[in-house]
Amino acid sequence: MGARFILAVLVGMVSIGLFGFVLYGIVFASLFGANAGSAIGVMKNPPDLLWVGLAHVPFGVLLALVIKWRGATSMGGGAVTGAILGLLMAASYDLSQYGTTHIWALKVTLIDPLITMGMVGASGALVGLALGRSSSTSRELE
């Protein structure tokens, strides 16, 4: 595991956190609030950000690994790979969650994978860029 890969993991972790905050904490916060299911007392208020931050570690590693394994080490390749990964992961999780809990309404269950697709696609673009930097720059880091 070289320095370029570690940089890509860090870029993935930070960008997923920032894009997630903007999309889920600001842009779509009212959508999620208005479409909560019948479960009460499920969400922590305020959230424990230590655990939220730690959740970005394996996601950053997974995103960097998938982009590297696919050989999609460019902004475009990383964006497409990240978008596909985000859509499939969120659809799988959200549909399972909808089938087993009362946390969200169906509307959010169907919209969330698209939001996640955008978030992970944007992060994937940055990870792809970090992995695909010029060989002279990467030789300096490795």
Foldseek 3Di string as FASTA:
>chain_A
DFQLLVVLLVLQLVLLVVLCCCVCVPVCVVVLVVFFFPDPPPDDVVHPVVVVSVVSNVVSNVLLVQLVVVVQQALQSQLVSQLVVLLVVLLVVLVVCVVPHRTGHVVCSVCVSNSSSNSRSNSRSVSSPSNPPDPVVRVVRD
